[in-house]
C-alpha cells in the first residue's frame, strides 16, 4: 500500500532504484494545500532533514519539482542516485506545522529488483495502453492508482477504467488499461509485497481535424483534389 492513508500527503513507501539513475516520485496532497509551497526534505528523521528543493524553484542540483494543481499532486525527481539517497519526505508548508510523508529508496549497483523502462506513458482516450513492470525475486502482485484502488486479479477496474493483468512470463508483469478516459490520467504503481514502482499515465483527447486541398484552374472553377484527416492530441489535466 501507499503511505499516508490517514495523512494529508499520500505517496509510495519504498522504491528500488539503480545507482546513477533517476526516479520520479508523486506526492498527493489535500485540496486545501493547493496554493501552499511544496518541498522535498532529505534525511531519516523529520526533525533533522535537509530541504533540498521547493516549488519556488523548478530545479536545483540533482533535484526537480513540479506542482500539478489540477490533480493536487507534486512530483519530485532525483537524479544521479547514490547509496546515500535513502529516506526523503514529501512536505507542504502550513501555518503551525508543515504536513509531510516519508518514502524510502532502495539503491543498488545492478538492476533494480522492480523497474519499468519509462515512468512517463502517453495514451489516447477510448483506446488502450500497456505498461510492463519487470521484477526479480519477489513477484509483482498488484497494479494500483495512487490514493485509490488496486487490481490483484486478472481482470478488474480502477475508477471506471478496465484493467487486465498478465503475469504468465516470469520476470514480467503486463498491465493493459483499456476504455481510457482523460480522467484516467494520473499516477499508478506496480507493487510487490513491500516495493512499489510509480508510473505516470497521461491520457490525451483525440481531436480530428480535416484539411481540404484545392486546385484553382480558373477564376470561376475550383477543383477539390483531396481530403486528408489527421489527429491532434489535446492534454487534459495531466
C-alpha atoms as a PDB file:
ATOM      1  CA  UNK A   1       0.000   0.000   0.000  1.00  0.00           C
ATOM      2  CA  UNK A   2       0.990   3.614  -0.354  1.00  0.00           C
ATOM      3  CA  UNK A   3       1.969   5.837   2.521  1.00  0.00           C
ATOM      4  CA  UNK A   4      -0.198   8.492   4.027  1.00  0.00           C
ATOM      5  CA  UNK A   5      -3.601   6.789   4.138  1.00  0.00           C
ATOM      6  CA  UNK A   6      -4.541   8.787   7.230  1.00  0.00           C
ATOM      7  CA  UNK A   7      -2.229  11.718   6.472  1.00  0.00           C
ATOM      8  CA  UNK A   8      -2.580  14.830   4.376  1.00  0.00           C
ATOM      9  CA  UNK A   9       0.008  13.603   1.868  1.00  0.00           C
ATOM     10  CA  UNK A  10      -0.009  10.262   0.061  1.00  0.00           C
ATOM     11  CA  UNK A  11       2.946   8.721  -1.729  1.00  0.00           C
ATOM     12  CA  UNK A  12       4.681   5.381  -2.253  1.00  0.00           C
ATOM     13  CA  UNK A  13       6.514   3.704   0.640  1.00  0.00           C
ATOM     14  CA  UNK A  14       9.674   2.158  -0.827  1.00  0.00           C
ATOM     15  CA  UNK A  15      11.033   2.258  -4.373  1.00  0.00           C
ATOM     16  CA  UNK A  16      14.002   0.217  -5.684  1.00  0.00           C
ATOM     17  CA  UNK A  17      16.365   2.216  -7.897  1.00  0.00           C
ATOM     18  CA  UNK A  18      19.685   1.806  -9.697  1.00  0.00           C
ATOM     19  CA  UNK A  19      22.716   3.845  -8.638  1.00  0.00           C
ATOM     20  CA  UNK A  20      23.487   6.585 -11.142  1.00  0.00           C
ATOM     21  CA  UNK A  21      19.936   6.614 -12.466  1.00  0.00           C
ATOM     22  CA  UNK A  22      16.951   8.819 -11.693  1.00  0.00           C
ATOM     23  CA  UNK A  23      13.483   8.412 -10.201  1.00  0.00           C
ATOM     24  CA  UNK A  24      10.307  10.487 -10.095  1.00  0.00           C
ATOM     25  CA  UNK A  25       8.058  10.277  -7.045  1.00  0.00           C
ATOM     26  CA  UNK A  26       4.448  11.577  -6.862  1.00  0.00           C
ATOM     27  CA  UNK A  27       3.174  13.279  -3.702  1.00  0.00           C
ATOM     28  CA  UNK A  28      -0.597  13.692  -3.491  1.00  0.00           C
ATOM     29  CA  UNK A  29      -1.881  16.461  -1.211  1.00  0.00           C
ATOM     30  CA  UNK A  30      -5.250  17.713   0.034  1.00  0.00           C
ATOM     31  CA  UNK A  31      -7.222  20.338  -1.869  1.00  0.00           C
ATOM     32  CA  UNK A  32      -6.756  22.830   0.969  1.00  0.00           C
ATOM     33  CA  UNK A  33      -2.990  22.896   0.293  1.00  0.00           C
ATOM     34  CA  UNK A  34      -3.288  23.695  -3.427  1.00  0.00           C
ATOM     35  CA  UNK A  35      -1.639  27.132  -3.136  1.00  0.00           C
ATOM     36  CA  UNK A  36       0.922  26.241  -0.469  1.00  0.00           C
ATOM     37  CA  UNK A  37       4.640  25.800  -1.081  1.00  0.00           C
ATOM     38  CA  UNK A  38       5.645  22.152  -1.517  1.00  0.00           C
ATOM     39  CA  UNK A  39       9.108  20.781  -0.931  1.00  0.00           C
ATOM     40  CA  UNK A  40      11.333  17.724  -0.649  1.00  0.00           C
ATOM     41  CA  UNK A  41      13.318  17.052   2.513  1.00  0.00           C
ATOM     42  CA  UNK A  42      16.150  14.527   2.806  1.00  0.00           C
ATOM     43  CA  UNK A  43      17.002  12.626   5.979  1.00  0.00           C
ATOM     44  CA  UNK A  44      15.945   9.702   8.139  1.00  0.00           C
ATOM     45  CA  UNK A  45      14.346  11.880  10.813  1.00  0.00           C
ATOM     46  CA  UNK A  46      11.910  14.657  10.045  1.00  0.00           C
ATOM     47  CA  UNK A  47      13.286  16.936  12.754  1.00  0.00           C
ATOM     48  CA  UNK A  48      16.753  16.969  11.179  1.00  0.00           C
ATOM     49  CA  UNK A  49      16.040  16.520   7.472  1.00  0.00           C
ATOM     50  CA  UNK A  50      17.512  18.894   4.894  1.00  0.00           C
ATOM     51  CA  UNK A  51      15.230  20.752   2.484  1.00  0.00           C
ATOM     52  CA  UNK A  52      16.740  20.094  -0.961  1.00  0.00           C
ATOM     53  CA  UNK A  53      14.178  21.789  -3.225  1.00  0.00           C
ATOM     54  CA  UNK A  54      10.804  23.540  -3.103  1.00  0.00           C
ATOM     55  CA  UNK A  55       8.261  24.790  -5.626  1.00  0.00           C
ATOM     56  CA  UNK A  56       9.769  28.276  -5.720  1.00  0.00           C
ATOM     57  CA  UNK A  57      12.486  26.764  -7.932  1.00  0.00           C
ATOM     58  CA  UNK A  58      11.886  24.220 -10.683  1.00  0.00           C
ATOM     59  CA  UNK A  59      15.335  22.619 -10.470  1.00  0.00           C
ATOM     60  CA  UNK A  60      18.396  22.778  -8.274  1.00  0.00           C
ATOM     61  CA  UNK A  61      21.379  20.452  -8.399  1.00  0.00           C
ATOM     62  CA  UNK A  62      20.192  16.862  -8.727  1.00  0.00           C
ATOM     63  CA  UNK A  63      16.576  17.694  -7.929  1.00  0.00           C
ATOM     64  CA  UNK A  64      13.488  18.862  -9.815  1.00  0.00           C
ATOM     65  CA  UNK A  65       9.936  19.553  -8.647  1.00  0.00           C
ATOM     66  CA  UNK A  66       6.650  20.193 -10.469  1.00  0.00           C
ATOM     67  CA  UNK A  67       3.309  21.051  -8.847  1.00  0.00           C
ATOM     68  CA  UNK A  68       0.206  19.889 -10.750  1.00  0.00           C
ATOM     69  CA  UNK A  69      -2.587  21.845  -9.081  1.00  0.00           C
ATOM     70  CA  UNK A  70      -5.227  20.287 -11.362  1.00  0.00           C
ATOM     71  CA  UNK A  71      -4.690  16.897  -9.733  1.00  0.00           C
ATOM     72  CA  UNK A  72      -3.274  18.098  -6.393  1.00  0.00           C
ATOM     73  CA  UNK A  73      -0.018  16.228  -6.928  1.00  0.00           C
ATOM     74  CA  UNK A  74       3.544  17.468  -6.875  1.00  0.00           C
ATOM     75  CA  UNK A  75       6.250  15.336  -8.445  1.00  0.00           C
ATOM     76  CA  UNK A  76       9.853  15.268  -7.340  1.00  0.00           C
ATOM     77  CA  UNK A  77      12.689  13.903  -9.477  1.00  0.00           C
ATOM     78  CA  UNK A  78      16.028  12.819  -8.051  1.00  0.00           C
ATOM     79  CA  UNK A  79      18.914  12.351 -10.476  1.00  0.00           C
ATOM     80  CA  UNK A  80      22.349  10.734 -10.208  1.00  0.00           C
ATOM     81  CA  UNK A  81      21.203   8.455  -7.405  1.00  0.00           C
ATOM     82  CA  UNK A  82      23.708   7.206  -4.822  1.00  0.00           C
ATOM     83  CA  UNK A  83      23.556   4.823  -1.877  1.00  0.00           C
ATOM     84  CA  UNK A  84      23.205   7.877   0.375  1.00  0.00           C
ATOM     85  CA  UNK A  85      19.780   8.593  -1.093  1.00  0.00           C
ATOM     86  CA  UNK A  86      17.694   6.618   1.344  1.00  0.00           C
ATOM     87  CA  UNK A  87      14.900   8.497   3.110  1.00  0.00           C
ATOM     88  CA  UNK A  88      13.038  11.548   1.828  1.00  0.00           C
ATOM     89  CA  UNK A  89       9.940  13.468   2.858  1.00  0.00           C
ATOM     90  CA  UNK A  90       7.226  14.971   0.670  1.00  0.00           C
ATOM     91  CA  UNK A  91       6.144  18.083   2.553  1.00  0.00           C
ATOM     92  CA  UNK A  92       3.828  21.080   2.341  1.00  0.00           C
ATOM     93  CA  UNK A  93       4.362  24.349   4.168  1.00  0.00           C
ATOM     94  CA  UNK A  94       1.494  25.106   6.513  1.00  0.00           C
ATOM     95  CA  UNK A  95       0.836  27.545   9.341  1.00  0.00           C
ATOM     96  CA  UNK A  96       1.614  25.938  12.659  1.00  0.00           C
ATOM     97  CA  UNK A  97       3.159  22.687  11.459  1.00  0.00           C
ATOM     98  CA  UNK A  98       4.082  21.518   7.974  1.00  0.00           C
ATOM     99  CA  UNK A  99       2.444  18.320   6.731  1.00  0.00           C
ATOM    100  CA  UNK A 100       4.727  15.583   5.497  1.00  0.00           C
ATOM    101  CA  UNK A 101       5.057  11.934   4.488  1.00  0.00           C
ATOM    102  CA  UNK A 102       8.224   9.929   4.043  1.00  0.00           C
ATOM    103  CA  UNK A 103       9.297   7.474   1.359  1.00  0.00           C
ATOM    104  CA  UNK A 104      12.387   5.313   1.052  1.00  0.00           C
ATOM    105  CA  UNK A 105      14.691   4.463  -1.830  1.00  0.00           C
ATOM    106  CA  UNK A 106      16.495   1.142  -2.048  1.00  0.00           C
ATOM    107  CA  UNK A 107      19.592   1.876  -4.154  1.00  0.00           C
ATOM    108  CA  UNK A 108      21.512  -0.987  -5.786  1.00  0.00           C
ATOM    109  CA  UNK A 109      24.530  -1.054  -8.097  1.00  0.00           C
ATOM    110  CA  UNK A 110      22.909  -3.506 -10.509  1.00  0.00           C
ATOM    111  CA  UNK A 111      19.430  -3.653 -11.969  1.00  0.00           C
ATOM    112  CA  UNK A 112      16.677  -2.700  -9.544  1.00  0.00           C
ATOM    113  CA  UNK A 113      14.519  -5.541  -8.255  1.00  0.00           C
ATOM    114  CA  UNK A 114      11.435  -3.790  -9.671  1.00  0.00           C
ATOM    115  CA  UNK A 115      11.524  -1.341 -12.578  1.00  0.00           C
ATOM    116  CA  UNK A 116       9.869  -0.015 -15.728  1.00  0.00           C
ATOM    117  CA  UNK A 117      11.577   1.148 -18.899  1.00  0.00           C
ATOM    118  CA  UNK A 118       9.943   4.553 -18.597  1.00  0.00           C
ATOM    119  CA  UNK A 119       7.883   6.243 -15.916  1.00  0.00           C
ATOM    120  CA  UNK A 120       6.025   8.532 -18.325  1.00  0.00           C
ATOM    121  CA  UNK A 121       3.440   6.855 -20.568  1.00  0.00           C
ATOM    122  CA  UNK A 122       1.277   8.690 -23.131  1.00  0.00           C
ATOM    123  CA  UNK A 123      -2.070   7.305 -24.322  1.00  0.00           C
ATOM    124  CA  UNK A 124      -5.206   8.407 -26.197  1.00  0.00           C
ATOM    125  CA  UNK A 125      -8.745   8.348 -24.832  1.00  0.00           C
ATOM    126  CA  UNK A 126     -11.063   5.461 -25.802  1.00  0.00           C
ATOM    127  CA  UNK A 127      -8.013   3.354 -26.626  1.00  0.00           C
ATOM    128  CA  UNK A 128      -5.737   1.165 -24.511  1.00  0.00           C
ATOM    129  CA  UNK A 129      -2.212   1.304 -23.137  1.00  0.00           C
ATOM    130  CA  UNK A 130       0.117  -1.399 -21.838  1.00  0.00           C
ATOM    131  CA  UNK A 131       2.685  -0.966 -19.088  1.00  0.00           C
ATOM    132  CA  UNK A 132       5.322  -3.641 -18.414  1.00  0.00           C
ATOM    133  CA  UNK A 133       6.796  -3.934 -14.937  1.00  0.00           C
ATOM    134  CA  UNK A 134       9.968  -6.019 -14.657  1.00  0.00           C
ATOM    135  CA  UNK A 135      10.850  -7.762 -11.428  1.00  0.00           C
ATOM    136  CA  UNK A 136      13.446 -10.017  -9.844  1.00  0.00           C
ATOM    137  CA  UNK A 137      12.963 -12.350  -6.894  1.00  0.00           C
ATOM    138  CA  UNK A 138       9.674 -11.075  -5.468  1.00  0.00           C
ATOM    139  CA  UNK A 139       6.783 -11.244  -7.908  1.00  0.00           C
ATOM    140  CA  UNK A 140       4.620  -8.240  -8.719  1.00  0.00           C
ATOM    141  CA  UNK A 141       1.168  -8.864  -7.314  1.00  0.00           C
ATOM    142  CA  UNK A 142      -0.910  -5.747  -7.956  1.00  0.00           C
ATOM    143  CA  UNK A 143      -1.454  -2.582 -10.003  1.00  0.00           C
ATOM    144  CA  UNK A 144      -2.773   0.443  -8.141  1.00  0.00           C
ATOM    145  CA  UNK A 145      -3.710   4.057  -8.630  1.00  0.00           C
ATOM    146  CA  UNK A 146      -2.150   6.384  -6.088  1.00  0.00           C
ATOM    147  CA  UNK A 147      -4.610   7.053  -3.269  1.00  0.00           C
ATOM    148  CA  UNK A 148      -7.252   4.879  -4.959  1.00  0.00           C
ATOM    149  CA  UNK A 149      -7.886   1.169  -5.520  1.00  0.00           C
ATOM    150  CA  UNK A 150      -5.726  -1.775  -6.610  1.00  0.00           C
ATOM    151  CA  UNK A 151      -6.263  -4.668  -9.011  1.00  0.00           C
ATOM    152  CA  UNK A 152      -4.863  -8.062  -7.999  1.00  0.00           C
ATOM    153  CA  UNK A 153      -6.901 -10.424 -10.141  1.00  0.00           C
ATOM    154  CA  UNK A 154      -6.545 -10.984 -13.875  1.00  0.00           C
ATOM    155  CA  UNK A 155      -9.350  -8.557 -14.672  1.00  0.00           C
ATOM    156  CA  UNK A 156     -10.599  -5.574 -12.742  1.00  0.00           C
ATOM    157  CA  UNK A 157     -11.381  -1.872 -12.768  1.00  0.00           C
ATOM    158  CA  UNK A 158      -9.851   1.299 -11.370  1.00  0.00           C
ATOM    159  CA  UNK A 159     -12.064   4.379 -11.387  1.00  0.00           C
ATOM    160  CA  UNK A 160     -14.065   3.129 -14.382  1.00  0.00           C
ATOM    161  CA  UNK A 161     -11.028   2.046 -16.414  1.00  0.00           C
ATOM    162  CA  UNK A 162     -10.780  -1.649 -17.292  1.00  0.00           C
ATOM    163  CA  UNK A 163      -7.506  -3.239 -16.154  1.00  0.00           C
ATOM    164  CA  UNK A 164      -6.163  -6.595 -17.370  1.00  0.00           C
ATOM    165  CA  UNK A 165      -3.135  -8.213 -15.732  1.00  0.00           C
ATOM    166  CA  UNK A 166      -0.875 -10.838 -17.298  1.00  0.00           C
ATOM    167  CA  UNK A 167       1.978 -12.399 -15.339  1.00  0.00           C
ATOM    168  CA  UNK A 168       2.363 -15.589 -17.399  1.00  0.00           C
ATOM    169  CA  UNK A 169       6.002 -14.784 -18.267  1.00  0.00           C
ATOM    170  CA  UNK A 170       8.337 -14.883 -15.280  1.00  0.00           C
ATOM    171  CA  UNK A 171      10.006 -11.570 -14.593  1.00  0.00           C
ATOM    172  CA  UNK A 172       7.354  -9.556 -16.445  1.00  0.00           C
ATOM    173  CA  UNK A 173       4.066  -8.113 -15.233  1.00  0.00           C
ATOM    174  CA  UNK A 174       1.918  -6.762 -18.073  1.00  0.00           C
ATOM    175  CA  UNK A 175      -0.793  -4.221 -17.293  1.00  0.00           C
ATOM    176  CA  UNK A 176      -3.288  -3.256 -20.004  1.00  0.00           C
ATOM    177  CA  UNK A 177      -5.659  -0.393 -19.315  1.00  0.00           C
ATOM    178  CA  UNK A 178      -8.486  -0.050 -21.837  1.00  0.00           C
ATOM    179  CA  UNK A 179     -11.504   2.185 -22.406  1.00  0.00           C
ATOM    180  CA  UNK A 180      -9.288   5.061 -21.314  1.00  0.00           C
ATOM    181  CA  UNK A 181     -10.772   8.426 -20.419  1.00  0.00           C
ATOM    182  CA  UNK A 182      -8.974  11.691 -19.838  1.00  0.00           C
ATOM    183  CA  UNK A 183      -9.889  11.215 -16.179  1.00  0.00           C
ATOM    184  CA  UNK A 184      -7.710   8.097 -16.249  1.00  0.00           C
ATOM    185  CA  UNK A 185      -4.650  10.374 -16.305  1.00  0.00           C
ATOM    186  CA  UNK A 186      -2.614  10.153 -13.134  1.00  0.00           C
ATOM    187  CA  UNK A 187      -0.030   8.267 -11.131  1.00  0.00           C
ATOM    188  CA  UNK A 188      -0.186   4.486 -10.794  1.00  0.00           C
ATOM    189  CA  UNK A 189       2.255   1.918  -9.481  1.00  0.00           C
ATOM    190  CA  UNK A 190       3.032  -1.774  -9.735  1.00  0.00           C
ATOM    191  CA  UNK A 191       3.834  -3.401  -6.424  1.00  0.00           C
ATOM    192  CA  UNK A 192       5.319  -6.452  -4.767  1.00  0.00           C
ATOM    193  CA  UNK A 193       4.601  -7.127  -1.099  1.00  0.00           C
ATOM    194  CA  UNK A 194       6.740  -4.208   0.073  1.00  0.00           C
ATOM    195  CA  UNK A 195       8.065  -2.342  -3.004  1.00  0.00           C
ATOM    196  CA  UNK A 196       6.392  -0.025  -5.495  1.00  0.00           C
ATOM    197  CA  UNK A 197       7.338   1.461  -8.844  1.00  0.00           C
ATOM    198  CA  UNK A 198       5.360   4.605  -9.786  1.00  0.00           C
ATOM    199  CA  UNK A 199       4.258   5.239 -13.380  1.00  0.00           C
ATOM    200  CA  UNK A 200       2.555   8.350 -14.741  1.00  0.00           C
ATOM    201  CA  UNK A 201      -0.099   7.723 -17.409  1.00  0.00           C
ATOM    202  CA  UNK A 202      -1.151  10.788 -19.415  1.00  0.00           C
ATOM    203  CA  UNK A 203      -4.359  10.285 -21.417  1.00  0.00           C
ATOM    204  CA  UNK A 204      -4.979  12.816 -24.189  1.00  0.00           C
ATOM    205  CA  UNK A 205      -8.126  13.825 -26.020  1.00  0.00           C
ATOM    206  CA  UNK A 206      -8.134  12.814 -29.673  1.00  0.00           C
ATOM    207  CA  UNK A 207      -9.343  15.727 -31.793  1.00  0.00           C
ATOM    208  CA  UNK A 208      -9.903  15.103 -35.509  1.00  0.00           C
ATOM    209  CA  UNK A 209      -9.080  17.889 -37.922  1.00  0.00           C
ATOM    210  CA  UNK A 210      -9.864  17.898 -41.624  1.00  0.00           C
ATOM    211  CA  UNK A 211      -7.671  19.507 -44.262  1.00  0.00           C
ATOM    212  CA  UNK A 212      -9.074  20.154 -47.734  1.00  0.00           C
ATOM    213  CA  UNK A 213      -6.607  20.551 -50.611  1.00  0.00           C
ATOM    214  CA  UNK A 214      -7.816  22.545 -53.594  1.00  0.00           C
ATOM    215  CA  UNK A 215      -6.533  23.443 -57.025  1.00  0.00           C
ATOM    216  CA  UNK A 216      -7.872  26.545 -58.756  1.00  0.00           C
ATOM    217  CA  UNK A 217      -7.997  26.152 -62.545  1.00  0.00           C
ATOM    218  CA  UNK A 218      -9.748  29.384 -63.434  1.00  0.00           C
ATOM    219  CA  UNK A 219     -11.441  32.294 -61.662  1.00  0.00           C
ATOM    220  CA  UNK A 220     -14.788  30.506 -61.914  1.00  0.00           C
ATOM    221  CA  UNK A 221     -13.728  26.893 -61.392  1.00  0.00           C
ATOM    222  CA  UNK A 222     -12.212  25.207 -58.322  1.00  0.00           C
ATOM    223  CA  UNK A 223     -11.236  21.526 -58.296  1.00  0.00           C
ATOM    224  CA  UNK A 224     -11.015  19.624 -54.990  1.00  0.00           C
ATOM    225  CA  UNK A 225      -8.008  17.322 -55.184  1.00  0.00           C
ATOM    226  CA  UNK A 226      -8.346  15.511 -51.885  1.00  0.00           C
ATOM    227  CA  UNK A 227      -9.316  15.470 -48.227  1.00  0.00           C
ATOM    228  CA  UNK A 228      -6.934  14.317 -45.547  1.00  0.00           C
ATOM    229  CA  UNK A 229      -7.685  13.658 -41.918  1.00  0.00           C
ATOM    230  CA  UNK A 230      -5.283  13.867 -39.012  1.00  0.00           C
ATOM    231  CA  UNK A 231      -5.479  13.677 -35.245  1.00  0.00           C
ATOM    232  CA  UNK A 232      -4.026  16.102 -32.769  1.00  0.00           C
ATOM    233  CA  UNK A 233      -3.539  15.444 -29.095  1.00  0.00           C
ATOM    234  CA  UNK A 234      -5.004  17.786 -26.538  1.00  0.00           C
ATOM    235  CA  UNK A 235      -3.868  17.476 -22.930  1.00  0.00           C
ATOM    236  CA  UNK A 236      -6.456  17.279 -20.148  1.00  0.00           C
ATOM    237  CA  UNK A 237      -5.355  17.819 -16.560  1.00  0.00           C
ATOM    238  CA  UNK A 238      -2.258  15.692 -16.632  1.00  0.00           C
END
